[in-house]
PDB file of N, CA and C in Angstrom:
ATOM      1  N   MET A   1       1.298 -22.192 -21.049  1.00  0.00           N
ATOM      2  CA  MET A   1       0.603 -21.982 -19.404  1.00  0.00           C
ATOM      3  C   MET A   1       1.061 -22.430 -18.448  1.00  0.00           C
ATOM      4  N   ASP A   2       0.332 -23.037 -17.597  1.00  0.00           N
ATOM      5  CA  ASP A   2       0.322 -24.012 -16.270  1.00  0.00           C
ATOM      6  C   ASP A   2      -0.476 -24.784 -15.799  1.00  0.00           C
ATOM      7  N   MET A   3      -0.709 -25.965 -16.179  1.00  0.00           N
ATOM      8  CA  MET A   3      -1.049 -26.903 -16.312  1.00  0.00           C
ATOM      9  C   MET A   3      -2.887 -27.117 -14.883  1.00  0.00           C
ATOM     10  N   ASN A   4      -1.715 -26.306 -13.972  1.00  0.00           N
ATOM     11  CA  ASN A   4      -1.900 -26.869 -12.262  1.00  0.00           C
ATOM     12  C   ASN A   4      -2.843 -25.526 -11.466  1.00  0.00           C
ATOM     13  N   GLU A   5      -2.816 -23.974 -12.924  1.00  0.00           N
ATOM     14  CA  GLU A   5      -3.030 -23.351 -11.757  1.00  0.00           C
ATOM     15  C   GLU A   5      -4.647 -23.689 -11.809  1.00  0.00           C
ATOM     16  N   VAL A   6      -5.313 -22.677 -11.333  1.00  0.00           N
ATOM     17  CA  VAL A   6      -6.242 -22.947 -10.575  1.00  0.00           C
ATOM     18  C   VAL A   6      -7.135 -21.214 -11.180  1.00  0.00           C
ATOM     19  N   VAL A   7      -7.345 -21.737 -12.161  1.00  0.00           N
ATOM     20  CA  VAL A   7      -8.729 -21.006 -13.208  1.00  0.00           C
ATOM     21  C   VAL A   7     -10.282 -20.772 -12.144  1.00  0.00           C
ATOM     22  N   CYS A   8     -10.772 -21.514 -11.754  1.00  0.00           N
ATOM     23  CA  CYS A   8     -12.654 -21.159 -10.813  1.00  0.00           C
ATOM     24  C   CYS A   8     -11.673 -21.587  -9.294  1.00  0.00           C
ATOM     25  N   GLY A   9     -11.543 -21.145  -7.624  1.00  0.00           N
ATOM     26  CA  GLY A   9     -11.692 -20.236  -7.271  1.00  0.00           C
ATOM     27  C   GLY A   9     -12.136 -21.312  -6.184  1.00  0.00           C
ATOM     28  N   CYS A  10     -13.663 -20.971  -7.008  1.00  0.00           N
ATOM     29  CA  CYS A  10     -15.186 -21.041  -5.572  1.00  0.00           C
ATOM     30  C   CYS A  10     -14.659 -23.286  -5.996  1.00  0.00           C
ATOM     31  N   LEU A  11     -14.043 -23.910  -7.161  1.00  0.00           N
ATOM     32  CA  LEU A  11     -14.697 -25.437  -7.019  1.00  0.00           C
ATOM     33  C   LEU A  11     -13.602 -25.738  -7.479  1.00  0.00           C
ATOM     34  N   ASN A  12     -12.260 -24.845  -7.210  1.00  0.00           N
ATOM     35  CA  ASN A  12     -10.733 -25.473  -7.475  1.00  0.00           C
ATOM     36  C   ASN A  12     -10.499 -26.835  -9.082  1.00  0.00           C
ATOM     37  N   VAL A  13     -11.030 -25.394  -9.660  1.00  0.00           N
ATOM     38  CA  VAL A  13     -11.173 -26.390 -11.542  1.00  0.00           C
ATOM     39  C   VAL A  13      -9.498 -25.567 -11.795  1.00  0.00           C
ATOM     40  N   THR A  14      -8.512 -27.080 -12.300  1.00  0.00           N
ATOM     41  CA  THR A  14      -8.120 -26.311 -12.968  1.00  0.00           C
ATOM     42  C   THR A  14      -7.625 -25.796 -14.521  1.00  0.00           C
ATOM     43  N   VAL A  15      -6.372 -25.982 -14.612  1.00  0.00           N
ATOM     44  CA  VAL A  15      -6.388 -25.198 -16.608  1.00  0.00           C
ATOM     45  C   VAL A  15      -6.485 -26.793 -17.283  1.00  0.00           C
ATOM     46  N   GLN A  16      -5.726 -27.680 -16.208  1.00  0.00           N
ATOM     47  CA  GLN A  16      -5.852 -28.966 -17.275  1.00  0.00           C
ATOM     48  C   GLN A  16      -7.204 -29.508 -17.109  1.00  0.00           C
ATOM     49  N   ASP A  17      -7.782 -29.679 -15.666  1.00  0.00           N
ATOM     50  CA  ASP A  17      -9.241 -29.765 -15.867  1.00  0.00           C
ATOM     51  C   ASP A  17     -10.068 -29.223 -17.128  1.00  0.00           C
ATOM     52  N   ILE A  18     -10.554 -28.485 -17.617  1.00  0.00           N
ATOM     53  CA  ILE A  18     -10.689 -27.867 -18.860  1.00  0.00           C
ATOM     54  C   ILE A  18     -10.235 -27.644 -20.119  1.00  0.00           C
ATOM     55  N   LYS A  19      -9.486 -28.009 -19.623  1.00  0.00           N
ATOM     56  CA  LYS A  19      -8.290 -28.260 -21.464  1.00  0.00           C
ATOM     57  C   LYS A  19      -8.972 -29.871 -21.199  1.00  0.00           C
ATOM     58  N   ASN A  20      -9.516 -30.710 -20.268  1.00  0.00           N
ATOM     59  CA  ASN A  20      -9.287 -32.040 -20.333  1.00  0.00           C
ATOM     60  C   ASN A  20     -11.028 -31.805 -20.542  1.00  0.00           C
ATOM     61  N   ALA A  21     -11.957 -30.668 -20.832  1.00  0.00           N
ATOM     62  CA  ALA A  21     -13.284 -31.067 -21.142  1.00  0.00           C
ATOM     63  C   ALA A  21     -13.375 -30.569 -22.384  1.00  0.00           C
ATOM     64  N   VAL A  22     -12.185 -29.192 -22.613  1.00  0.00           N
ATOM     65  CA  VAL A  22     -12.203 -29.622 -24.373  1.00  0.00           C
ATOM     66  C   VAL A  22     -12.614 -30.657 -25.060  1.00  0.00           C
ATOM     67  N   ASP A  23     -10.744 -31.472 -24.532  1.00  0.00           N
ATOM     68  CA  ASP A  23     -10.929 -32.467 -25.694  1.00  0.00           C
ATOM     69  C   ASP A  23     -12.147 -33.374 -25.233  1.00  0.00           C
ATOM     70  N   ASN A  24     -12.778 -34.263 -24.533  1.00  0.00           N
ATOM     71  CA  ASN A  24     -13.265 -34.185 -24.551  1.00  0.00           C
ATOM     72  C   ASN A  24     -14.998 -34.146 -25.114  1.00  0.00           C
ATOM     73  N   GLY A  25     -14.049 -33.214 -26.078  1.00  0.00           N
ATOM     74  CA  GLY A  25     -15.568 -32.067 -26.390  1.00  0.00           C
ATOM     75  C   GLY A  25     -16.343 -31.277 -26.672  1.00  0.00           C
ATOM     76  N   ALA A  26     -16.374 -30.646 -25.339  1.00  0.00           N
ATOM     77  CA  ALA A  26     -17.084 -29.459 -25.169  1.00  0.00           C
ATOM     78  C   ALA A  26     -16.758 -28.012 -25.600  1.00  0.00           C
ATOM     79  N   LYS A  27     -17.476 -26.965 -26.280  1.00  0.00           N
ATOM     80  CA  LYS A  27     -16.903 -26.556 -27.228  1.00  0.00           C
ATOM     81  C   LYS A  27     -17.338 -24.900 -26.471  1.00  0.00           C
ATOM     82  N   THR A  28     -18.328 -24.441 -25.890  1.00  0.00           N
ATOM     83  CA  THR A  28     -18.537 -23.552 -25.510  1.00  0.00           C
ATOM     84  C   THR A  28     -18.540 -23.697 -23.680  1.00  0.00           C
ATOM     85  N   LEU A  29     -18.401 -22.269 -23.379  1.00  0.00           N
ATOM     86  CA  LEU A  29     -18.803 -22.315 -21.559  1.00  0.00           C
ATOM     87  C   LEU A  29     -19.407 -22.954 -21.464  1.00  0.00           C
ATOM     88  N   GLU A  30     -20.706 -22.765 -21.249  1.00  0.00           N
ATOM     89  CA  GLU A  30     -21.323 -23.997 -21.321  1.00  0.00           C
ATOM     90  C   GLU A  30     -20.824 -25.483 -20.842  1.00  0.00           C
ATOM     91  N   GLU A  31     -21.139 -25.876 -22.370  1.00  0.00           N
ATOM     92  CA  GLU A  31     -20.561 -27.204 -22.252  1.00  0.00           C
ATOM     93  C   GLU A  31     -19.777 -27.513 -20.789  1.00  0.00           C
ATOM     94  N   VAL A  32     -18.179 -27.017 -20.621  1.00  0.00           N
ATOM     95  CA  VAL A  32     -17.486 -26.907 -20.351  1.00  0.00           C
ATOM     96  C   VAL A  32     -17.758 -26.370 -18.691  1.00  0.00           C
ATOM     97  N   GLN A  33     -18.918 -25.930 -17.784  1.00  0.00           N
ATOM     98  CA  GLN A  33     -19.690 -25.739 -16.855  1.00  0.00           C
ATOM     99  C   GLN A  33     -19.997 -27.290 -16.864  1.00  0.00           C
ATOM    100  N   ASP A  34     -21.179 -27.746 -17.745  1.00  0.00           N
ATOM    101  CA  ASP A  34     -21.533 -29.290 -17.912  1.00  0.00           C
ATOM    102  C   ASP A  34     -20.787 -29.911 -16.965  1.00  0.00           C
ATOM    103  N   GLN A  35     -19.529 -30.187 -17.910  1.00  0.00           N
ATOM    104  CA  GLN A  35     -18.865 -30.892 -17.454  1.00  0.00           C
ATOM    105  C   GLN A  35     -18.078 -30.990 -16.252  1.00  0.00           C
ATOM    106  N   THR A  36     -17.529 -29.315 -15.969  1.00  0.00           N
ATOM    107  CA  THR A  36     -15.995 -29.057 -15.181  1.00  0.00           C
ATOM    108  C   THR A  36     -16.511 -28.918 -13.652  1.00  0.00           C
ATOM    109  N   SER A  37     -18.206 -27.641 -14.124  1.00  0.00           N
ATOM    110  CA  SER A  37     -19.017 -26.526 -12.284  1.00  0.00           C
ATOM    111  C   SER A  37     -18.243 -25.994 -12.613  1.00  0.00           C
ATOM    112  N   ALA A  38     -17.038 -25.497 -12.968  1.00  0.00           N
ATOM    113  CA  ALA A  38     -16.287 -24.181 -13.125  1.00  0.00           C
ATOM    114  C   ALA A  38     -16.864 -22.297 -13.882  1.00  0.00           C
ATOM    115  N   GLY A  39     -17.012 -22.531 -13.003  1.00  0.00           N
ATOM    116  CA  GLY A  39     -17.837 -20.993 -13.218  1.00  0.00           C
ATOM    117  C   GLY A  39     -19.422 -20.653 -13.590  1.00  0.00           C
ATOM    118  N   THR A  40     -19.755 -21.796 -12.450  1.00  0.00           N
ATOM    119  CA  THR A  40     -20.850 -21.129 -11.651  1.00  0.00           C
ATOM    120  C   THR A  40     -21.369 -20.810 -10.352  1.00  0.00           C
ATOM    121  N   CYS A  41     -20.754 -20.234  -9.583  1.00  0.00           N
ATOM    122  CA  CYS A  41     -20.291 -19.746  -8.179  1.00  0.00           C
ATOM    123  C   CYS A  41     -20.388 -18.943  -8.431  1.00  0.00           C
ATOM    124  N   CYS A  42     -19.332 -18.444  -8.661  1.00  0.00           N
ATOM    125  CA  CYS A  42     -19.492 -17.080  -8.433  1.00  0.00           C
ATOM    126  C   CYS A  42     -19.471 -15.946  -9.995  1.00  0.00           C
ATOM    127  N   GLY A  43     -19.490 -16.507 -11.326  1.00  0.00           N
ATOM    128  CA  GLY A  43     -18.431 -16.333 -12.761  1.00  0.00           C
ATOM    129  C   GLY A  43     -17.867 -15.907 -13.242  1.00  0.00           C
ATOM    130  N   CYS A  44     -16.545 -15.077 -11.599  1.00  0.00           N
ATOM    131  CA  CYS A  44     -15.435 -14.399 -12.399  1.00  0.00           C
ATOM    132  C   CYS A  44     -14.323 -15.012 -12.976  1.00  0.00           C
ATOM    133  N   CYS A  45     -14.941 -16.087 -13.336  1.00  0.00           N
ATOM    134  CA  CYS A  45     -13.624 -16.776 -14.344  1.00  0.00           C
ATOM    135  C   CYS A  45     -13.961 -17.051 -15.112  1.00  0.00           C
ATOM    136  N   THR A  46     -15.099 -17.153 -15.968  1.00  0.00           N
ATOM    137  CA  THR A  46     -15.829 -17.477 -17.232  1.00  0.00           C
ATOM    138  C   THR A  46     -15.015 -16.618 -18.306  1.00  0.00           C
ATOM    139  N   ASP A  47     -14.984 -15.300 -17.963  1.00  0.00           N
ATOM    140  CA  ASP A  47     -14.214 -14.459 -19.006  1.00  0.00           C
ATOM    141  C   ASP A  47     -12.420 -16.167 -19.581  1.00  0.00           C
ATOM    142  N   LYS A  48     -11.834 -16.280 -18.421  1.00  0.00           N
ATOM    143  CA  LYS A  48     -10.731 -16.674 -19.136  1.00  0.00           C
ATOM    144  C   LYS A  48     -11.284 -18.464 -18.763  1.00  0.00           C
ATOM    145  N   ILE A  49     -12.269 -18.916 -18.524  1.00  0.00           N
ATOM    146  CA  ILE A  49     -12.595 -19.879 -19.003  1.00  0.00           C
ATOM    147  C   ILE A  49     -12.163 -20.044 -20.844  1.00  0.00           C
ATOM    148  N   GLU A  50     -13.469 -19.055 -21.146  1.00  0.00           N
ATOM    149  CA  GLU A  50     -13.583 -18.703 -22.585  1.00  0.00           C
ATOM    150  C   GLU A  50     -11.552 -18.759 -23.437  1.00  0.00           C
ATOM    151  N   GLY A  51     -11.201 -17.869 -22.986  1.00  0.00           N
ATOM    152  CA  GLY A  51      -9.982 -18.110 -22.970  1.00  0.00           C
ATOM    153  C   GLY A  51      -8.908 -19.578 -23.476  1.00  0.00           C
ATOM    154  N   ILE A  52      -9.559 -20.584 -22.251  1.00  0.00           N
ATOM    155  CA  ILE A  52      -9.046 -21.173 -22.436  1.00  0.00           C
ATOM    156  C   ILE A  52      -9.646 -22.067 -23.825  1.00  0.00           C
ATOM    157  N   ILE A  53     -10.569 -21.775 -23.577  1.00  0.00           N
ATOM    158  CA  ILE A  53     -11.469 -22.458 -24.784  1.00  0.00           C
ATOM    159  C   ILE A  53     -11.204 -21.850 -26.349  1.00  0.00           C
ATOM    160  N   LEU A  54     -10.668 -21.203 -26.552  1.00  0.00           N
ATOM    161  CA  LEU A  54      -9.985 -20.307 -27.820  1.00  0.00           C
ATOM    162  C   LEU A  54      -8.638 -20.875 -27.744  1.00  0.00           C
ATOM    163  N   SER A  55      -8.361 -21.186 -26.898  1.00  0.00           N
ATOM    164  CA  SER A  55      -5.867 -20.863 -27.018  1.00  0.00           C
ATOM    165  C   SER A  55      -6.273 -22.458 -27.130  1.00  0.00           C
ATOM    166  N   LYS A  56      -7.269 -23.822 -27.585  1.00  0.00           N
ATOM    167  CA  LYS A  56      -7.693 -24.885 -27.343  1.00  0.00           C
ATOM    168  C   LYS A  56      -7.274 -25.710 -29.443  1.00  0.00           C
TER     169      LYS A  56
END
């Protein structure tokens, strides 16, 4: 997986940003959103975010 891939285009949040949030204790979509704001605009990327959380 490309760590520089943009997952949330609305806020320019990358795979690495999401993995960093998980490394910092985020275990749910909501906790990742609190740390990164990813998925809080249009919501189209929430499934992908959850997939990254589960793969960690």
